């Protein structure tokens, strides 16, 4: 689906942002050092996205990645709020910071309508549920795993790359409707979660599929389901949730680039042009494909519209399931 969870159709989640008029790029948006704030730690998906973009920009513009992980990306938004709104600083982050968090967190330290200015989409990907060596090899389907969770409540722990991430919400919606008891383990990004899955410290993990594909191919973990409307081209041997009776769990996570909220429209337009060129670079496409991601750019206006639509869908969904974080 687009950037959220769906019931039979892709949920779109968002924030209401004013339309950005067309404008010519400004020198501030295209010259000088560009600092790419990143919502995740080194080795995470947002880090990979930010570094791929920085490398693609390097022939024409120096770009540096500034990792600001923590609080499911909220610390990176705080850093963006205090950054100059002159095109010298942008944020690479998961769309959930704008679409999901306003309805998920009872106390949010920023206002997406005011503090985030959409620039462009960067990529999309699906999520996956994987089990590790702590789960018997006889568990090969989603139904098998749910039965195992019921029979083993003491070791029924499932990790995610962070509380409030889309992976965490998928986990809640997946198991919450099956009436099983499980413990959620929140990590600071995907790499440490994968390490614990491989080591048997946790039973299972919900994560972007790109971080699991190599380990699945090597037999170190078993991916039981993916969140696209059909099987993933990157994991064709794994059935989607929809194939296993959970068509309500069609999910696509996406990552985007945001500028500080006060950034002038003409500066945003210049940033969008520069970054869209980077996203279309064949080298970026190769890097993204290796991580199970599809390059997807957009205009600032199209991104703002997508965010607004998705936020309208997320609010009632989270409310219906009683999902909030203080």
Protein backbone atom coordinates (compact mmCIF):
# COMPACT_ATOMS: atom_id res chain seq x y z
CA UNK A 1 0.00 0.00 0.00
CA UNK A 2 1.09 3.56 0.13
CA UNK A 3 2.65 4.54 3.40
CA UNK A 4 0.51 2.90 5.94
CA UNK A 5 -1.63 -0.05 6.98
CA UNK A 6 -4.74 -0.95 5.06
CA UNK A 7 -7.96 -2.84 5.34
CA UNK A 8 -8.16 -4.46 1.87
CA UNK A 9 -6.73 -1.37 0.30
CA UNK A 10 -3.63 0.65 0.91
CA UNK A 11 -4.06 3.02 3.81
CA UNK A 12 -2.67 6.40 3.13
CA UNK A 13 -1.58 8.47 6.13
CA UNK A 14 -0.76 12.08 6.32
CA UNK A 15 -0.72 15.63 7.42
CA UNK A 16 -2.48 18.65 6.03
CA UNK A 17 0.10 20.89 4.46
CA UNK A 18 -0.37 23.86 2.22
CA UNK A 19 0.32 23.42 -1.46
CA UNK A 20 3.69 24.54 -2.67
CA UNK A 21 3.64 26.78 -5.74
CA UNK A 22 6.04 26.15 -8.57
CA UNK A 23 9.19 28.20 -8.33
CA UNK A 24 12.65 28.39 -9.79
CA UNK A 25 15.48 26.83 -7.77
CA UNK A 26 17.44 29.26 -5.68
CA UNK A 27 21.18 29.31 -5.17
CA UNK A 28 20.76 28.46 -1.48
CA UNK A 29 18.98 25.25 -2.42
CA UNK A 30 21.54 24.07 -4.94
CA UNK A 31 24.93 25.34 -3.72
CA UNK A 32 27.02 24.84 -0.61
CA UNK A 33 27.18 21.90 1.79
CA UNK A 34 23.89 20.05 2.24
CA UNK A 35 23.44 18.44 5.66
CA UNK A 36 21.19 15.38 5.59
CA UNK A 37 19.75 14.77 9.03
CA UNK A 38 18.86 11.09 9.41
CA UNK A 39 16.18 9.62 11.67
CA UNK A 40 18.01 6.31 12.20
CA UNK A 41 21.39 5.09 13.43
CA UNK A 42 24.24 3.89 11.25
CA UNK A 43 23.23 0.80 9.29
CA UNK A 44 19.51 1.53 9.44
CA UNK A 45 17.26 1.97 6.41
CA UNK A 46 17.05 5.78 6.72
CA UNK A 47 20.84 5.86 7.06
CA UNK A 48 21.21 3.82 3.89
CA UNK A 49 18.82 6.14 2.05
CA UNK A 50 20.58 9.28 3.26
CA UNK A 51 24.05 7.99 2.36
CA UNK A 52 22.94 6.84 -1.09
CA UNK A 53 21.55 10.31 -1.78
CA UNK A 54 24.67 12.00 -0.41
CA UNK A 55 26.88 9.88 -2.68
CA UNK A 56 24.70 10.65 -5.71
CA UNK A 57 24.93 14.36 -4.98
CA UNK A 58 28.71 14.33 -4.51
CA UNK A 59 29.73 15.11 -8.13
CA UNK A 60 27.96 18.46 -7.95
CA UNK A 61 27.44 19.22 -4.29
CA UNK A 62 29.05 18.19 -1.04
CA UNK A 63 26.57 16.44 1.24
CA UNK A 64 27.10 15.06 4.74
CA UNK A 65 24.91 12.69 6.75
CA UNK A 66 24.12 13.63 10.34
CA UNK A 67 22.54 10.71 12.22
CA UNK A 68 20.06 11.76 14.90
CA UNK A 69 18.42 8.50 16.04
CA UNK A 70 16.12 8.17 19.02
CA UNK A 71 12.47 8.35 20.02
CA UNK A 72 11.43 6.65 16.77
CA UNK A 73 12.74 9.55 14.72
CA UNK A 74 11.43 12.39 16.85
CA UNK A 75 14.91 13.56 17.85
CA UNK A 76 15.77 14.09 14.21
CA UNK A 77 12.66 16.24 13.79
CA UNK A 78 13.75 18.32 16.78
CA UNK A 79 17.11 18.87 15.07
CA UNK A 80 15.34 19.94 11.89
CA UNK A 81 13.19 22.43 13.81
CA UNK A 82 16.31 24.25 15.01
CA UNK A 83 18.05 24.16 11.62
CA UNK A 84 18.20 27.18 9.29
CA UNK A 85 15.38 27.25 6.74
CA UNK A 86 17.67 28.18 3.85
CA UNK A 87 18.03 24.90 1.98
CA UNK A 88 21.24 23.86 3.72
CA UNK A 89 19.63 21.22 5.97
CA UNK A 90 17.03 18.53 5.22
CA UNK A 91 15.75 15.47 7.02
CA UNK A 92 15.63 11.93 5.61
CA UNK A 93 13.05 10.00 7.61
CA UNK A 94 10.20 7.52 7.55
CA UNK A 95 6.86 8.94 6.48
CA UNK A 96 5.34 7.92 9.80
CA UNK A 97 6.81 11.01 11.48
CA UNK A 98 4.24 13.01 9.53
CA UNK A 99 1.44 10.50 8.96
CA UNK A 100 1.22 8.24 12.01
CA UNK A 101 2.82 10.04 14.93
CA UNK A 102 0.26 12.88 15.18
CA UNK A 103 -2.39 10.27 16.03
CA UNK A 104 -0.15 7.78 17.81
CA UNK A 105 1.65 9.95 20.37
CA UNK A 106 -0.39 11.71 23.03
CA UNK A 107 2.44 14.23 23.45
CA UNK A 108 4.34 15.09 20.31
CA UNK A 109 7.16 17.63 20.49
CA UNK A 110 6.46 19.01 17.03
CA UNK A 111 3.57 19.96 14.77
CA UNK A 112 3.94 18.34 11.34
CA UNK A 113 1.81 21.05 9.76
CA UNK A 114 4.22 23.72 10.98
CA UNK A 115 7.61 22.07 11.40
CA UNK A 116 7.90 19.81 8.34
CA UNK A 117 7.96 20.95 4.72
CA UNK A 118 7.66 18.01 2.27
CA UNK A 119 10.35 17.99 -0.43
CA UNK A 120 10.23 14.60 -2.19
CA UNK A 121 9.63 10.92 -1.68
CA UNK A 122 12.80 8.82 -1.74
CA UNK A 123 11.79 5.15 -1.70
CA UNK A 124 9.18 2.56 -0.74
CA UNK A 125 9.46 -0.94 0.72
CA UNK A 126 7.45 -3.69 2.34
CA UNK A 127 7.82 -5.11 5.84
CA UNK A 128 8.38 -8.72 6.83
CA UNK A 129 7.82 -11.03 9.80
CA UNK A 130 10.78 -13.32 10.47
CA UNK A 131 11.55 -15.95 13.10
CA UNK A 132 14.99 -16.99 14.29
CA UNK A 133 16.67 -20.02 15.87
CA UNK A 134 14.62 -19.64 19.06
CA UNK A 135 11.59 -20.89 17.11
CA UNK A 136 11.47 -24.56 15.98
CA UNK A 137 12.12 -25.31 12.32
CA UNK A 138 8.63 -26.81 12.08
CA UNK A 139 7.19 -23.28 12.24
CA UNK A 140 6.99 -22.31 8.57
CA UNK A 141 3.73 -20.34 8.20
CA UNK A 142 2.01 -17.45 9.91
CA UNK A 143 -0.56 -19.84 11.40
CA UNK A 144 2.25 -22.06 12.72
CA UNK A 145 3.87 -19.11 14.44
CA UNK A 146 0.66 -17.89 16.06
CA UNK A 147 0.07 -21.42 17.38
CA UNK A 148 3.64 -21.45 18.71
CA UNK A 149 3.11 -18.11 20.46
CA UNK A 150 0.01 -19.46 22.20
CA UNK A 151 1.90 -22.54 23.37
CA UNK A 152 5.00 -20.62 24.52
CA UNK A 153 3.91 -17.40 26.25
CA UNK A 154 7.10 -17.23 28.33
CA UNK A 155 9.27 -16.83 25.23
CA UNK A 156 6.75 -15.08 22.98
CA UNK A 157 8.79 -11.94 22.34
CA UNK A 158 8.74 -10.04 19.06
CA UNK A 159 11.09 -7.19 18.20
CA UNK A 160 10.78 -4.09 16.05
CA UNK A 161 13.18 -1.27 15.10
CA UNK A 162 11.49 1.02 17.61
CA UNK A 163 8.33 1.83 19.52
CA UNK A 164 5.88 3.63 17.27
CA UNK A 165 7.53 2.56 14.03
CA UNK A 166 5.37 1.17 11.26
CA UNK A 167 6.87 -2.25 11.96
CA UNK A 168 5.72 -1.99 15.58
CA UNK A 169 2.20 -1.02 14.53
CA UNK A 170 2.05 -3.91 12.07
CA UNK A 171 3.04 -6.22 14.92
CA UNK A 172 0.28 -4.84 17.16
CA UNK A 173 -2.37 -5.17 14.46
CA UNK A 174 -1.15 -8.65 13.55
CA UNK A 175 -1.12 -10.20 16.99
CA UNK A 176 -3.72 -8.02 18.67
CA UNK A 177 -6.48 -9.59 16.61
CA UNK A 178 -5.29 -13.14 17.28
CA UNK A 179 -5.67 -12.78 21.07
CA UNK A 180 -2.22 -14.15 21.82
CA UNK A 181 0.04 -12.91 24.60
CA UNK A 182 3.39 -11.59 23.45
CA UNK A 183 6.03 -9.12 24.57
CA UNK A 184 7.17 -6.33 22.29
CA UNK A 185 10.90 -5.59 22.33
CA UNK A 186 11.76 -2.15 20.94
CA UNK A 187 15.24 -1.61 19.52
CA UNK A 188 17.05 1.50 18.35
CA UNK A 189 17.02 0.65 14.67
CA UNK A 190 17.09 -2.58 12.69
CA UNK A 191 20.70 -3.85 12.98
CA UNK A 192 20.69 -4.56 16.74
CA UNK A 193 17.29 -6.21 16.40
CA UNK A 194 18.61 -8.50 13.66
CA UNK A 195 21.62 -9.40 15.82
CA UNK A 196 19.36 -10.49 18.67
CA UNK A 197 17.14 -12.46 16.30
CA UNK A 198 20.17 -14.29 14.92
CA UNK A 199 21.42 -14.95 18.45
CA UNK A 200 18.11 -16.35 19.66
CA UNK A 201 17.51 -13.59 22.21
CA UNK A 202 14.13 -12.86 20.61
CA UNK A 203 11.75 -15.21 18.87
CA UNK A 204 10.69 -13.03 15.98
CA UNK A 205 11.06 -9.64 14.37
CA UNK A 206 9.05 -7.31 12.16
CA UNK A 207 11.37 -5.27 9.98
CA UNK A 208 11.79 -3.90 6.45
CA UNK A 209 12.36 -6.95 4.29
CA UNK A 210 15.66 -5.69 2.92
CA UNK A 211 17.33 -6.15 6.31
CA UNK A 212 16.20 -9.79 6.44
CA UNK A 213 16.60 -11.02 2.87
CA UNK A 214 20.26 -12.06 3.08
CA UNK A 215 19.75 -13.93 6.35
CA UNK A 216 16.63 -15.65 4.98
CA UNK A 217 18.52 -16.81 1.88
CA UNK A 218 21.30 -18.21 4.08
CA UNK A 219 18.84 -20.06 6.30
CA UNK A 220 19.76 -18.11 9.42
CA UNK A 221 16.21 -16.77 9.81
CA UNK A 222 12.89 -17.70 8.23
CA UNK A 223 10.71 -14.94 6.79
CA UNK A 224 7.11 -16.10 7.23
CA UNK A 225 5.19 -13.25 5.58
CA UNK A 226 5.62 -9.96 3.76
CA UNK A 227 3.32 -6.95 3.81
CA UNK A 228 2.76 -6.18 0.13
CA UNK A 229 -0.46 -6.88 -1.78
CA UNK A 230 1.35 -9.83 -3.42
CA UNK A 231 4.63 -11.66 -2.97
CA UNK A 232 7.72 -9.50 -2.94
CA UNK A 233 9.99 -9.65 -5.97
CA UNK A 234 12.87 -9.74 -3.49
CA UNK A 235 11.44 -12.71 -1.51
CA UNK A 236 9.36 -14.64 -4.06
CA UNK A 237 9.31 -17.81 -1.95
CA UNK A 238 7.56 -16.05 0.95
CA UNK A 239 3.74 -15.66 0.93
CA UNK A 240 2.27 -12.27 1.71
CA UNK A 241 0.12 -11.71 4.79
CA UNK A 242 -2.81 -11.35 2.40
CA UNK A 243 -2.21 -14.89 1.09
CA UNK A 244 -2.39 -16.19 4.65
CA UNK A 245 -5.76 -14.72 5.56
CA UNK A 246 -4.67 -11.23 6.64
CA UNK A 247 -5.60 -8.94 3.76
CA UNK A 248 -5.95 -6.16 6.35
CA UNK A 249 -2.16 -6.10 6.70
CA UNK A 250 -1.13 -4.69 3.34
CA UNK A 251 1.59 -2.21 4.27
CA UNK A 252 4.18 -0.17 2.46
CA UNK A 253 6.66 1.89 4.37
CA UNK A 254 8.18 4.87 2.65
CA UNK A 255 10.93 7.34 3.32
CA UNK A 256 11.02 10.96 2.28
CA UNK A 257 12.98 14.18 2.51
CA UNK A 258 11.68 17.11 4.55
CA UNK A 259 12.90 20.68 4.96
CA UNK A 260 12.33 22.95 7.98
CA UNK A 261 8.78 24.25 8.07
CA UNK A 262 9.75 27.87 7.39
CA UNK A 263 11.69 27.06 4.22
CA UNK A 264 10.48 29.30 1.34
CA UNK A 265 8.62 27.53 -1.50
CA UNK A 266 11.24 28.50 -4.08
CA UNK A 267 13.97 26.95 -1.92
CA UNK A 268 11.92 23.77 -1.51
CA UNK A 269 11.50 23.62 -5.29
CA UNK A 270 15.26 23.85 -5.74
CA UNK A 271 15.88 21.11 -3.20
CA UNK A 272 13.27 18.90 -4.84
CA UNK A 273 14.93 19.25 -8.25
CA UNK A 274 18.37 18.40 -6.91
CA UNK A 275 17.18 15.44 -4.84
CA UNK A 276 14.91 14.03 -7.54
CA UNK A 277 17.93 13.93 -9.84
CA UNK A 278 19.83 12.01 -7.17
CA UNK A 279 16.98 9.54 -6.64
CA UNK A 280 16.88 8.82 -10.39
CA UNK A 281 20.60 7.96 -10.44
CA UNK A 282 21.06 4.30 -11.56
CA UNK A 283 23.60 3.76 -8.79
CA UNK A 284 21.00 4.79 -6.21
CA UNK A 285 18.52 2.36 -7.78
CA UNK A 286 21.06 -0.45 -7.40
CA UNK A 287 21.80 0.41 -3.76
CA UNK A 288 18.10 0.60 -2.96
CA UNK A 289 17.34 -2.71 -4.74
CA UNK A 290 20.00 -4.47 -2.69
CA UNK A 291 18.06 -3.40 0.41
CA UNK A 292 14.66 -4.32 -1.03
CA UNK A 293 13.65 -0.72 -1.74
CA UNK A 294 12.15 0.92 -4.81
CA UNK A 295 13.26 4.47 -5.71
CA UNK A 296 10.19 6.73 -5.74
CA UNK A 297 10.45 10.48 -6.10
CA UNK A 298 7.63 13.02 -6.11
CA UNK A 299 6.92 16.72 -6.26
CA UNK A 300 6.55 18.58 -2.95
CA UNK A 301 2.87 19.06 -3.72
CA UNK A 302 2.26 15.36 -4.41
CA UNK A 303 4.07 14.37 -1.22
CA UNK A 304 2.03 16.83 0.83
CA UNK A 305 -1.18 15.41 -0.64
CA UNK A 306 -0.12 11.85 0.13
CA UNK A 307 0.72 12.75 3.70
CA UNK A 308 -2.61 14.50 4.21
CA UNK A 309 -4.56 11.53 2.87
CA UNK A 310 -2.68 9.00 4.97
CA UNK A 311 -3.06 10.94 8.17
CA UNK A 312 -6.82 10.97 7.68
CA UNK A 313 -6.79 7.17 7.43
CA UNK A 314 -4.44 6.53 10.34
CA UNK A 315 -6.35 8.52 12.92
CA UNK A 316 -9.54 6.38 13.00
CA UNK A 317 -7.55 3.14 12.63
CA UNK A 318 -5.39 3.82 15.67
CA UNK A 319 -8.37 5.05 17.64
CA UNK A 320 -10.41 1.95 16.83
CA UNK A 321 -7.63 -0.33 18.07
CA UNK A 322 -6.84 1.87 21.08
CA UNK A 323 -3.20 2.28 20.06
CA UNK A 324 -1.44 5.25 21.65
CA UNK A 325 1.99 6.00 23.11
CA UNK A 326 2.57 8.54 25.89
